[in-house]
């Protein structure tokens, strides 16, 4: 879905271009099923690993598959591809073709970066747990997604469409993702908990090391972006200058600019001046990707 969206080019442009080059031809069937804003629910079974998820796709009821294909092709022009017609009628080879595409797409998108992705998820879960401890579940839910709020016991989330969903005892699974910046996605298959997918970070793609560039650099300049990240641990002006390989006066100038923007605080520790991130600075570096 994110590959087909034009938004968030500054953050996702490099990720999109690199992923398009890595995607093998086996992933072509996914383009027939997934648009920029929607994907069939049967492609998103709850699972703890890729193999289990693919098995769930293989076992998805034909009625659920048919509903997903009809939803994917609503409003599209042209005939439905033959392989999709076969899929709707329970063809095993078509189901395997789809699962191969899902497997190879996962490998291309996350194979190298999966350790960073899982580390990011753990950090997001820890942040949510702290929010729950401080505000309670209701308060944490209201703060989870931009523009969300609790109104008379109903969790309202901003979206470009209107939809009322009741968990009705099914349970609720919150799934943060670093690869999505659109509206919060809500779905779920029959017999499974309701799934809420929301942008974490919000929505900062995890890139292979060779492709990473600092998302803060276009805003702050590369040196000041680097300065901000160095100050995740407090440093004196001379220590900062040594890390940046610049003169103390130049380091002081960069620190003054960041302090003026409210991103760092500066205080004295004896004769030394020490700089550290403010809460806003920490939020900005965390939202812009790996520190």
C-alpha atoms as a PDB file:
ATOM      1  CA  UNK A   1       0.000   0.000   0.000  1.00  0.00           C
ATOM      2  CA  UNK A   2       2.750   2.449   0.927  1.00  0.00           C
ATOM      3  CA  UNK A   3       4.594   1.775  -2.330  1.00  0.00           C
ATOM      4  CA  UNK A   4       1.566   3.024  -4.248  1.00  0.00           C
ATOM      5  CA  UNK A   5       0.978   6.177  -2.186  1.00  0.00           C
ATOM      6  CA  UNK A   6       2.517   9.521  -3.239  1.00  0.00           C
ATOM      7  CA  UNK A   7       2.639  11.039   0.257  1.00  0.00           C
ATOM      8  CA  UNK A   8       5.516  11.299   2.756  1.00  0.00           C
ATOM      9  CA  UNK A   9       8.042  11.521  -0.072  1.00  0.00           C
ATOM     10  CA  UNK A  10      10.718  13.124   2.098  1.00  0.00           C
ATOM     11  CA  UNK A  11      10.748  10.182   4.489  1.00  0.00           C
ATOM     12  CA  UNK A  12       9.580   7.311   2.278  1.00  0.00           C
ATOM     13  CA  UNK A  13      10.906   8.286  -1.163  1.00  0.00           C
ATOM     14  CA  UNK A  14      14.269   6.578  -0.768  1.00  0.00           C
ATOM     15  CA  UNK A  15      12.627   3.513   0.790  1.00  0.00           C
ATOM     16  CA  UNK A  16      10.113   3.226  -2.065  1.00  0.00           C
ATOM     17  CA  UNK A  17      12.729   3.517  -4.803  1.00  0.00           C
ATOM     18  CA  UNK A  18      15.018   0.952  -3.190  1.00  0.00           C
ATOM     19  CA  UNK A  19      12.196  -1.528  -2.517  1.00  0.00           C
ATOM     20  CA  UNK A  20      10.844  -1.316  -6.061  1.00  0.00           C
ATOM     21  CA  UNK A  21      14.272  -2.370  -7.307  1.00  0.00           C
ATOM     22  CA  UNK A  22      14.439  -5.299  -4.875  1.00  0.00           C
ATOM     23  CA  UNK A  23      10.939  -6.718  -5.413  1.00  0.00           C
ATOM     24  CA  UNK A  24      11.112  -9.876  -7.575  1.00  0.00           C
ATOM     25  CA  UNK A  25       8.586 -10.723 -10.274  1.00  0.00           C
ATOM     26  CA  UNK A  26       6.941 -13.263  -7.977  1.00  0.00           C
ATOM     27  CA  UNK A  27       5.344 -10.362  -6.045  1.00  0.00           C
ATOM     28  CA  UNK A  28       3.347  -9.179  -9.078  1.00  0.00           C
ATOM     29  CA  UNK A  29       0.081 -10.809  -7.883  1.00  0.00           C
ATOM     30  CA  UNK A  30       0.027  -8.466  -4.875  1.00  0.00           C
ATOM     31  CA  UNK A  31      -0.475  -5.469  -7.175  1.00  0.00           C
ATOM     32  CA  UNK A  32      -3.737  -7.037  -8.335  1.00  0.00           C
ATOM     33  CA  UNK A  33      -5.021  -7.208  -4.764  1.00  0.00           C
ATOM     34  CA  UNK A  34      -3.573  -4.208  -2.941  1.00  0.00           C
ATOM     35  CA  UNK A  35      -4.201  -0.544  -3.717  1.00  0.00           C
ATOM     36  CA  UNK A  36      -2.827   2.620  -2.130  1.00  0.00           C
ATOM     37  CA  UNK A  37      -5.540   2.639   0.528  1.00  0.00           C
ATOM     38  CA  UNK A  38      -6.906  -0.859   0.968  1.00  0.00           C
ATOM     39  CA  UNK A  39      -5.928  -4.513   1.072  1.00  0.00           C
ATOM     40  CA  UNK A  40      -8.036  -7.670   1.574  1.00  0.00           C
ATOM     41  CA  UNK A  41      -8.477  -8.736   5.192  1.00  0.00           C
ATOM     42  CA  UNK A  42      -7.504 -12.344   4.467  1.00  0.00           C
ATOM     43  CA  UNK A  43      -3.958 -11.146   3.677  1.00  0.00           C
ATOM     44  CA  UNK A  44      -3.622  -9.897   7.279  1.00  0.00           C
ATOM     45  CA  UNK A  45      -4.203 -12.889   9.590  1.00  0.00           C
ATOM     46  CA  UNK A  46      -2.907 -12.512  13.123  1.00  0.00           C
ATOM     47  CA  UNK A  47       0.242 -14.582  13.477  1.00  0.00           C
ATOM     48  CA  UNK A  48       3.509 -14.646  15.394  1.00  0.00           C
ATOM     49  CA  UNK A  49       5.740 -15.400  12.409  1.00  0.00           C
ATOM     50  CA  UNK A  50       5.728 -15.440   8.619  1.00  0.00           C
ATOM     51  CA  UNK A  51       5.254 -19.200   8.205  1.00  0.00           C
ATOM     52  CA  UNK A  52       2.184 -19.225  10.468  1.00  0.00           C
ATOM     53  CA  UNK A  53       0.743 -16.238   8.651  1.00  0.00           C
ATOM     54  CA  UNK A  54       1.204 -17.858   5.236  1.00  0.00           C
ATOM     55  CA  UNK A  55      -0.468 -21.036   6.488  1.00  0.00           C
ATOM     56  CA  UNK A  56      -3.431 -18.913   7.588  1.00  0.00           C
ATOM     57  CA  UNK A  57      -3.654 -17.358   4.110  1.00  0.00           C
ATOM     58  CA  UNK A  58      -3.603 -20.844   2.587  1.00  0.00           C
ATOM     59  CA  UNK A  59      -6.429 -21.909   4.900  1.00  0.00           C
ATOM     60  CA  UNK A  60      -8.584 -18.766   4.512  1.00  0.00           C
ATOM     61  CA  UNK A  61     -12.228 -19.655   3.717  1.00  0.00           C
ATOM     62  CA  UNK A  62     -13.235 -19.181   0.087  1.00  0.00           C
ATOM     63  CA  UNK A  63     -16.015 -16.818   1.199  1.00  0.00           C
ATOM     64  CA  UNK A  64     -13.451 -14.537   2.867  1.00  0.00           C
ATOM     65  CA  UNK A  65     -11.164 -14.663  -0.181  1.00  0.00           C
ATOM     66  CA  UNK A  66     -14.065 -13.836  -2.514  1.00  0.00           C
ATOM     67  CA  UNK A  67     -15.087 -10.856  -0.352  1.00  0.00           C
ATOM     68  CA  UNK A  68     -11.493  -9.614  -0.363  1.00  0.00           C
ATOM     69  CA  UNK A  69     -11.128  -9.881  -4.138  1.00  0.00           C
ATOM     70  CA  UNK A  70     -14.475  -8.137  -4.715  1.00  0.00           C
ATOM     71  CA  UNK A  71     -13.397  -5.349  -2.381  1.00  0.00           C
ATOM     72  CA  UNK A  72     -10.028  -5.013  -4.134  1.00  0.00           C
ATOM     73  CA  UNK A  73     -11.650  -4.754  -7.573  1.00  0.00           C
ATOM     74  CA  UNK A  74     -14.523  -2.474  -6.650  1.00  0.00           C
ATOM     75  CA  UNK A  75     -14.194   0.576  -8.894  1.00  0.00           C
ATOM     76  CA  UNK A  76     -11.352  -0.845 -10.989  1.00  0.00           C
ATOM     77  CA  UNK A  77     -11.677  -0.976 -14.731  1.00  0.00           C
ATOM     78  CA  UNK A  78     -10.899  -3.940 -16.931  1.00  0.00           C
ATOM     79  CA  UNK A  79     -11.357  -7.674 -16.476  1.00  0.00           C
ATOM     80  CA  UNK A  80     -10.289  -9.521 -13.345  1.00  0.00           C
ATOM     81  CA  UNK A  81      -6.988 -11.376 -14.006  1.00  0.00           C
ATOM     82  CA  UNK A  82      -7.492 -15.103 -14.638  1.00  0.00           C
ATOM     83  CA  UNK A  83      -5.404 -16.127 -11.630  1.00  0.00           C
ATOM     84  CA  UNK A  84      -7.711 -14.104  -9.345  1.00  0.00           C
ATOM     85  CA  UNK A  85     -10.786 -15.780 -10.791  1.00  0.00           C
ATOM     86  CA  UNK A  86      -9.139 -19.127 -10.045  1.00  0.00           C
ATOM     87  CA  UNK A  87      -8.258 -17.947  -6.528  1.00  0.00           C
ATOM     88  CA  UNK A  88     -11.883 -17.068  -5.813  1.00  0.00           C
ATOM     89  CA  UNK A  89     -12.918 -20.583  -6.853  1.00  0.00           C
ATOM     90  CA  UNK A  90     -10.451 -22.232  -4.466  1.00  0.00           C
ATOM     91  CA  UNK A  91      -7.648 -23.078  -6.899  1.00  0.00           C
ATOM     92  CA  UNK A  92      -4.683 -24.415  -4.883  1.00  0.00           C
ATOM     93  CA  UNK A  93      -2.006 -23.284  -7.370  1.00  0.00           C
ATOM     94  CA  UNK A  94      -3.342 -19.716  -7.323  1.00  0.00           C
ATOM     95  CA  UNK A  95      -3.276 -19.753  -3.519  1.00  0.00           C
ATOM     96  CA  UNK A  96       0.338 -20.949  -3.584  1.00  0.00           C
ATOM     97  CA  UNK A  97       1.245 -18.278  -6.140  1.00  0.00           C
ATOM     98  CA  UNK A  98      -0.147 -15.641  -3.796  1.00  0.00           C
ATOM     99  CA  UNK A  99       1.718 -17.053  -0.791  1.00  0.00           C
ATOM    100  CA  UNK A 100       4.989 -17.084  -2.749  1.00  0.00           C
ATOM    101  CA  UNK A 101       4.447 -13.407  -3.578  1.00  0.00           C
ATOM    102  CA  UNK A 102       3.782 -12.597   0.090  1.00  0.00           C
ATOM    103  CA  UNK A 103       6.879 -14.504   1.191  1.00  0.00           C
ATOM    104  CA  UNK A 104       9.154 -12.797  -1.336  1.00  0.00           C
ATOM    105  CA  UNK A 105       7.663  -9.359  -0.642  1.00  0.00           C
ATOM    106  CA  UNK A 106       8.312  -9.811   3.081  1.00  0.00           C
ATOM    107  CA  UNK A 107      11.878 -10.911   2.369  1.00  0.00           C
ATOM    108  CA  UNK A 108      12.537  -7.930   0.087  1.00  0.00           C
ATOM    109  CA  UNK A 109      10.990  -5.384   2.440  1.00  0.00           C
ATOM    110  CA  UNK A 110      12.137  -6.696   5.832  1.00  0.00           C
ATOM    111  CA  UNK A 111      14.635  -9.516   5.383  1.00  0.00           C
ATOM    112  CA  UNK A 112      17.738  -7.413   6.156  1.00  0.00           C
ATOM    113  CA  UNK A 113      16.135  -4.939   8.566  1.00  0.00           C
ATOM    114  CA  UNK A 114      13.949  -7.295  10.618  1.00  0.00           C
ATOM    115  CA  UNK A 115      16.109  -7.016  13.787  1.00  0.00           C
ATOM    116  CA  UNK A 116      15.731  -3.211  13.696  1.00  0.00           C
ATOM    117  CA  UNK A 117      12.010  -3.507  13.023  1.00  0.00           C
ATOM    118  CA  UNK A 118      11.462  -5.813  16.007  1.00  0.00           C
ATOM    119  CA  UNK A 119      13.606  -3.564  18.218  1.00  0.00           C
ATOM    120  CA  UNK A 120      11.458  -0.601  17.180  1.00  0.00           C
ATOM    121  CA  UNK A 121       8.307  -2.541  18.024  1.00  0.00           C
ATOM    122  CA  UNK A 122       9.640  -3.423  21.479  1.00  0.00           C
ATOM    123  CA  UNK A 123      10.379   0.252  22.131  1.00  0.00           C
ATOM    124  CA  UNK A 124       6.858   1.187  21.006  1.00  0.00           C
ATOM    125  CA  UNK A 125       5.314  -1.447  23.269  1.00  0.00           C
ATOM    126  CA  UNK A 126       7.381  -0.158  26.209  1.00  0.00           C
ATOM    127  CA  UNK A 127       6.236   3.400  25.500  1.00  0.00           C
ATOM    128  CA  UNK A 128       2.594   2.295  25.409  1.00  0.00           C
ATOM    129  CA  UNK A 129       2.984   0.341  28.663  1.00  0.00           C
ATOM    130  CA  UNK A 130       4.349   3.461  30.353  1.00  0.00           C
ATOM    131  CA  UNK A 131       1.431   5.494  28.996  1.00  0.00           C
ATOM    132  CA  UNK A 132      -1.023   2.930  30.401  1.00  0.00           C
ATOM    133  CA  UNK A 133       0.697   3.041  33.791  1.00  0.00           C
ATOM    134  CA  UNK A 134       0.534   6.849  33.841  1.00  0.00           C
ATOM    135  CA  UNK A 135      -2.846   7.562  32.208  1.00  0.00           C
ATOM    136  CA  UNK A 136      -4.750   4.289  32.344  1.00  0.00           C
ATOM    137  CA  UNK A 137      -5.941   2.319  29.317  1.00  0.00           C
ATOM    138  CA  UNK A 138      -8.479   4.960  28.271  1.00  0.00           C
ATOM    139  CA  UNK A 139      -5.925   7.763  28.385  1.00  0.00           C
ATOM    140  CA  UNK A 140      -3.295   5.708  26.576  1.00  0.00           C
ATOM    141  CA  UNK A 141      -5.735   4.806  23.794  1.00  0.00           C
ATOM    142  CA  UNK A 142      -6.718   8.444  23.310  1.00  0.00           C
ATOM    143  CA  UNK A 143      -3.047   9.383  22.896  1.00  0.00           C
ATOM    144  CA  UNK A 144      -2.127   6.400  20.721  1.00  0.00           C
ATOM    145  CA  UNK A 145      -3.089   7.748  17.281  1.00  0.00           C
ATOM    146  CA  UNK A 146      -2.969  11.385  16.130  1.00  0.00           C
ATOM    147  CA  UNK A 147      -6.457  12.883  16.301  1.00  0.00           C
ATOM    148  CA  UNK A 148      -7.997  10.030  18.302  1.00  0.00           C
ATOM    149  CA  UNK A 149     -10.250  10.618  21.307  1.00  0.00           C
ATOM    150  CA  UNK A 150     -12.591   8.812  23.692  1.00  0.00           C
ATOM    151  CA  UNK A 151     -16.224   9.969  23.508  1.00  0.00           C
ATOM    152  CA  UNK A 152     -18.800   8.297  25.764  1.00  0.00           C
ATOM    153  CA  UNK A 153     -16.829   5.070  25.846  1.00  0.00           C
ATOM    154  CA  UNK A 154     -16.271   5.043  22.074  1.00  0.00           C
ATOM    155  CA  UNK A 155     -12.727   5.314  20.706  1.00  0.00           C
ATOM    156  CA  UNK A 156     -12.911   7.684  17.739  1.00  0.00           C
ATOM    157  CA  UNK A 157     -10.027   7.785  15.265  1.00  0.00           C
ATOM    158  CA  UNK A 158      -9.740  10.298  12.412  1.00  0.00           C
ATOM    159  CA  UNK A 159     -10.038   8.688   8.962  1.00  0.00           C
ATOM    160  CA  UNK A 160     -11.162   9.710   5.454  1.00  0.00           C
ATOM    161  CA  UNK A 161     -14.178   7.378   5.773  1.00  0.00           C
ATOM    162  CA  UNK A 162     -16.890   6.666   8.324  1.00  0.00           C
ATOM    163  CA  UNK A 163     -17.077   3.223   9.911  1.00  0.00           C
ATOM    164  CA  UNK A 164     -18.409   1.956  13.230  1.00  0.00           C
ATOM    165  CA  UNK A 165     -16.745  -1.202  14.537  1.00  0.00           C
ATOM    166  CA  UNK A 166     -17.663  -3.109  17.696  1.00  0.00           C
ATOM    167  CA  UNK A 167     -15.188  -5.508  19.253  1.00  0.00           C
ATOM    168  CA  UNK A 168     -18.100  -7.392  20.862  1.00  0.00           C
ATOM    169  CA  UNK A 169     -15.886  -9.549  23.057  1.00  0.00           C
ATOM    170  CA  UNK A 170     -13.480 -10.465  20.247  1.00  0.00           C
ATOM    171  CA  UNK A 171     -10.613  -8.552  21.818  1.00  0.00           C
ATOM    172  CA  UNK A 172      -8.440  -5.803  20.377  1.00  0.00           C
ATOM    173  CA  UNK A 173      -4.896  -6.058  19.003  1.00  0.00           C
ATOM    174  CA  UNK A 174      -2.883  -2.853  18.591  1.00  0.00           C
ATOM    175  CA  UNK A 175      -0.266  -3.170  15.852  1.00  0.00           C
ATOM    176  CA  UNK A 176       2.186  -0.270  15.408  1.00  0.00           C
ATOM    177  CA  UNK A 177       4.044  -0.057  12.108  1.00  0.00           C
ATOM    178  CA  UNK A 178       7.022   1.998  11.011  1.00  0.00           C
ATOM    179  CA  UNK A 179       6.054   1.665   7.342  1.00  0.00           C
ATOM    180  CA  UNK A 180       2.732   3.499   7.153  1.00  0.00           C
ATOM    181  CA  UNK A 181       1.724   7.175   7.459  1.00  0.00           C
ATOM    182  CA  UNK A 182      -1.905   7.000   6.307  1.00  0.00           C
ATOM    183  CA  UNK A 183      -5.057   6.838   8.404  1.00  0.00           C
ATOM    184  CA  UNK A 184      -5.349   4.195  11.101  1.00  0.00           C
ATOM    185  CA  UNK A 185      -6.368   0.851   9.570  1.00  0.00           C
ATOM    186  CA  UNK A 186      -9.022  -1.305  11.214  1.00  0.00           C
ATOM    187  CA  UNK A 187      -9.793  -4.872  10.229  1.00  0.00           C
ATOM    188  CA  UNK A 188     -10.079  -8.412  11.379  1.00  0.00           C
ATOM    189  CA  UNK A 189     -11.055 -11.819  10.140  1.00  0.00           C
ATOM    190  CA  UNK A 190     -13.965 -13.821  11.490  1.00  0.00           C
ATOM    191  CA  UNK A 191     -13.143 -15.479  14.777  1.00  0.00           C
ATOM    192  CA  UNK A 192     -10.073 -13.278  15.346  1.00  0.00           C
ATOM    193  CA  UNK A 193      -9.585 -10.173  17.495  1.00  0.00           C
ATOM    194  CA  UNK A 194     -10.115  -6.762  15.949  1.00  0.00           C
ATOM    195  CA  UNK A 195      -6.851  -5.454  14.477  1.00  0.00           C
ATOM    196  CA  UNK A 196      -5.896  -1.763  14.687  1.00  0.00           C
ATOM    197  CA  UNK A 197      -2.815  -0.817  12.659  1.00  0.00           C
ATOM    198  CA  UNK A 198      -1.446   2.652  13.335  1.00  0.00           C
ATOM    199  CA  UNK A 199       1.664   4.630  12.354  1.00  0.00           C
ATOM    200  CA  UNK A 200       4.384   4.376  14.991  1.00  0.00           C
ATOM    201  CA  UNK A 201       6.989   7.044  15.050  1.00  0.00           C
ATOM    202  CA  UNK A 202       4.841   8.135  13.126  1.00  0.00           C
ATOM    203  CA  UNK A 203       5.580   5.856  10.179  1.00  0.00           C
ATOM    204  CA  UNK A 204       9.335   5.945   9.779  1.00  0.00           C
ATOM    205  CA  UNK A 205      10.623   3.235   7.409  1.00  0.00           C
ATOM    206  CA  UNK A 206      13.473   1.039   8.599  1.00  0.00           C
ATOM    207  CA  UNK A 207      16.148   1.075   5.895  1.00  0.00           C
ATOM    208  CA  UNK A 208      19.135  -1.211   5.326  1.00  0.00           C
ATOM    209  CA  UNK A 209      22.324   0.382   6.621  1.00  0.00           C
ATOM    210  CA  UNK A 210      23.565   1.150   3.112  1.00  0.00           C
ATOM    211  CA  UNK A 211      20.462   3.216   2.360  1.00  0.00           C
ATOM    212  CA  UNK A 212      19.964   5.039   5.635  1.00  0.00           C
ATOM    213  CA  UNK A 213      20.077   8.780   5.642  1.00  0.00           C
ATOM    214  CA  UNK A 214      19.164  11.031   8.529  1.00  0.00           C
ATOM    215  CA  UNK A 215      15.571  12.215   8.098  1.00  0.00           C
ATOM    216  CA  UNK A 216      16.445  15.287  10.197  1.00  0.00           C
ATOM    217  CA  UNK A 217      19.213  16.429   7.850  1.00  0.00           C
ATOM    218  CA  UNK A 218      16.941  18.142   5.268  1.00  0.00           C
ATOM    219  CA  UNK A 219      15.324  20.113   8.134  1.00  0.00           C
ATOM    220  CA  UNK A 220      18.265  20.933  10.413  1.00  0.00           C
ATOM    221  CA  UNK A 221      21.253  20.431   8.134  1.00  0.00           C
ATOM    222  CA  UNK A 222      23.464  17.368   8.389  1.00  0.00           C
ATOM    223  CA  UNK A 223      25.829  18.774  11.059  1.00  0.00           C
ATOM    224  CA  UNK A 224      23.065  19.958  13.383  1.00  0.00           C
ATOM    225  CA  UNK A 225      21.109  16.750  12.868  1.00  0.00           C
ATOM    226  CA  UNK A 226      24.265  14.853  13.852  1.00  0.00           C
ATOM    227  CA  UNK A 227      24.739  17.209  16.811  1.00  0.00           C
ATOM    228  CA  UNK A 228      21.209  16.531  18.020  1.00  0.00           C
ATOM    229  CA  UNK A 229      21.714  12.779  17.867  1.00  0.00           C
ATOM    230  CA  UNK A 230      25.075  12.970  19.657  1.00  0.00           C
ATOM    231  CA  UNK A 231      23.355  14.754  22.530  1.00  0.00           C
ATOM    232  CA  UNK A 232      21.224  11.716  23.341  1.00  0.00           C
ATOM    233  CA  UNK A 233      23.965  11.516  25.967  1.00  0.00           C
ATOM    234  CA  UNK A 234      24.878  14.874  27.600  1.00  0.00           C
ATOM    235  CA  UNK A 235      28.143  16.329  26.321  1.00  0.00           C
ATOM    236  CA  UNK A 236      30.256  19.354  27.111  1.00  0.00           C
ATOM    237  CA  UNK A 237      31.069  21.842  24.375  1.00  0.00           C
ATOM    238  CA  UNK A 238      34.603  20.489  24.031  1.00  0.00           C
ATOM    239  CA  UNK A 239      33.355  16.869  23.890  1.00  0.00           C
ATOM    240  CA  UNK A 240      30.781  17.842  21.278  1.00  0.00           C
ATOM    241  CA  UNK A 241      33.448  19.612  19.230  1.00  0.00           C
ATOM    242  CA  UNK A 242      35.640  16.502  19.338  1.00  0.00           C
ATOM    243  CA  UNK A 243      32.780  14.264  18.157  1.00  0.00           C
ATOM    244  CA  UNK A 244      31.917  16.675  15.331  1.00  0.00           C
ATOM    245  CA  UNK A 245      35.576  17.332  14.432  1.00  0.00           C
ATOM    246  CA  UNK A 246      34.981  21.106  14.585  1.00  0.00           C
ATOM    247  CA  UNK A 247      36.279  23.923  16.762  1.00  0.00           C
ATOM    248  CA  UNK A 248      34.659  24.585  20.180  1.00  0.00           C
ATOM    249  CA  UNK A 249      33.261  27.886  18.878  1.00  0.00           C
ATOM    250  CA  UNK A 250      31.613  26.105  15.932  1.00  0.00           C
ATOM    251  CA  UNK A 251      30.184  23.455  18.274  1.00  0.00           C
ATOM    252  CA  UNK A 252      28.863  26.232  20.511  1.00  0.00           C
ATOM    253  CA  UNK A 253      27.186  27.878  17.504  1.00  0.00           C
ATOM    254  CA  UNK A 254      25.432  24.649  16.537  1.00  0.00           C
ATOM    255  CA  UNK A 255      24.346  24.102  20.149  1.00  0.00           C
ATOM    256  CA  UNK A 256      22.985  27.653  20.370  1.00  0.00           C
ATOM    257  CA  UNK A 257      20.841  27.108  17.264  1.00  0.00           C
ATOM    258  CA  UNK A 258      19.387  23.881  18.650  1.00  0.00           C
ATOM    259  CA  UNK A 259      18.837  25.502  22.049  1.00  0.00           C
ATOM    260  CA  UNK A 260      16.982  28.377  20.387  1.00  0.00           C
ATOM    261  CA  UNK A 261      14.666  25.854  18.735  1.00  0.00           C
ATOM    262  CA  UNK A 262      13.922  24.260  22.122  1.00  0.00           C
ATOM    263  CA  UNK A 263      15.618  20.979  21.212  1.00  0.00           C
ATOM    264  CA  UNK A 264      18.436  21.033  23.786  1.00  0.00           C
ATOM    265  CA  UNK A 265      19.130  22.520  27.197  1.00  0.00           C
ATOM    266  CA  UNK A 266      22.489  23.901  28.284  1.00  0.00           C
ATOM    267  CA  UNK A 267      23.688  24.113  31.878  1.00  0.00           C
ATOM    268  CA  UNK A 268      26.904  24.457  33.845  1.00  0.00           C
ATOM    269  CA  UNK A 269      28.635  21.590  35.577  1.00  0.00           C
ATOM    270  CA  UNK A 270      31.482  23.245  37.402  1.00  0.00           C
ATOM    271  CA  UNK A 271      33.552  25.073  34.805  1.00  0.00           C
ATOM    272  CA  UNK A 272      32.170  23.014  31.932  1.00  0.00           C
ATOM    273  CA  UNK A 273      29.043  23.764  29.928  1.00  0.00           C
ATOM    274  CA  UNK A 274      26.972  20.668  29.212  1.00  0.00           C
ATOM    275  CA  UNK A 275      24.276  20.182  26.598  1.00  0.00           C
ATOM    276  CA  UNK A 276      21.454  17.611  26.609  1.00  0.00           C
ATOM    277  CA  UNK A 277      18.227  16.921  24.747  1.00  0.00           C
ATOM    278  CA  UNK A 278      14.954  18.413  25.891  1.00  0.00           C
ATOM    279  CA  UNK A 279      11.773  16.322  25.827  1.00  0.00           C
ATOM    280  CA  UNK A 280      11.021  17.859  22.420  1.00  0.00           C
ATOM    281  CA  UNK A 281      14.496  16.947  21.170  1.00  0.00           C
ATOM    282  CA  UNK A 282      14.053  13.340  22.303  1.00  0.00           C
ATOM    283  CA  UNK A 283      10.650  13.140  20.640  1.00  0.00           C
ATOM    284  CA  UNK A 284      12.031  14.517  17.391  1.00  0.00           C
ATOM    285  CA  UNK A 285      15.013  12.149  17.200  1.00  0.00           C
ATOM    286  CA  UNK A 286      12.855   9.136  18.068  1.00  0.00           C
ATOM    287  CA  UNK A 287      10.197  10.062  15.483  1.00  0.00           C
ATOM    288  CA  UNK A 288      12.838  10.567  12.778  1.00  0.00           C
ATOM    289  CA  UNK A 289      14.250   7.061  12.987  1.00  0.00           C
ATOM    290  CA  UNK A 290      17.168   5.238  14.500  1.00  0.00           C
ATOM    291  CA  UNK A 291      19.400   7.198  16.850  1.00  0.00           C
END
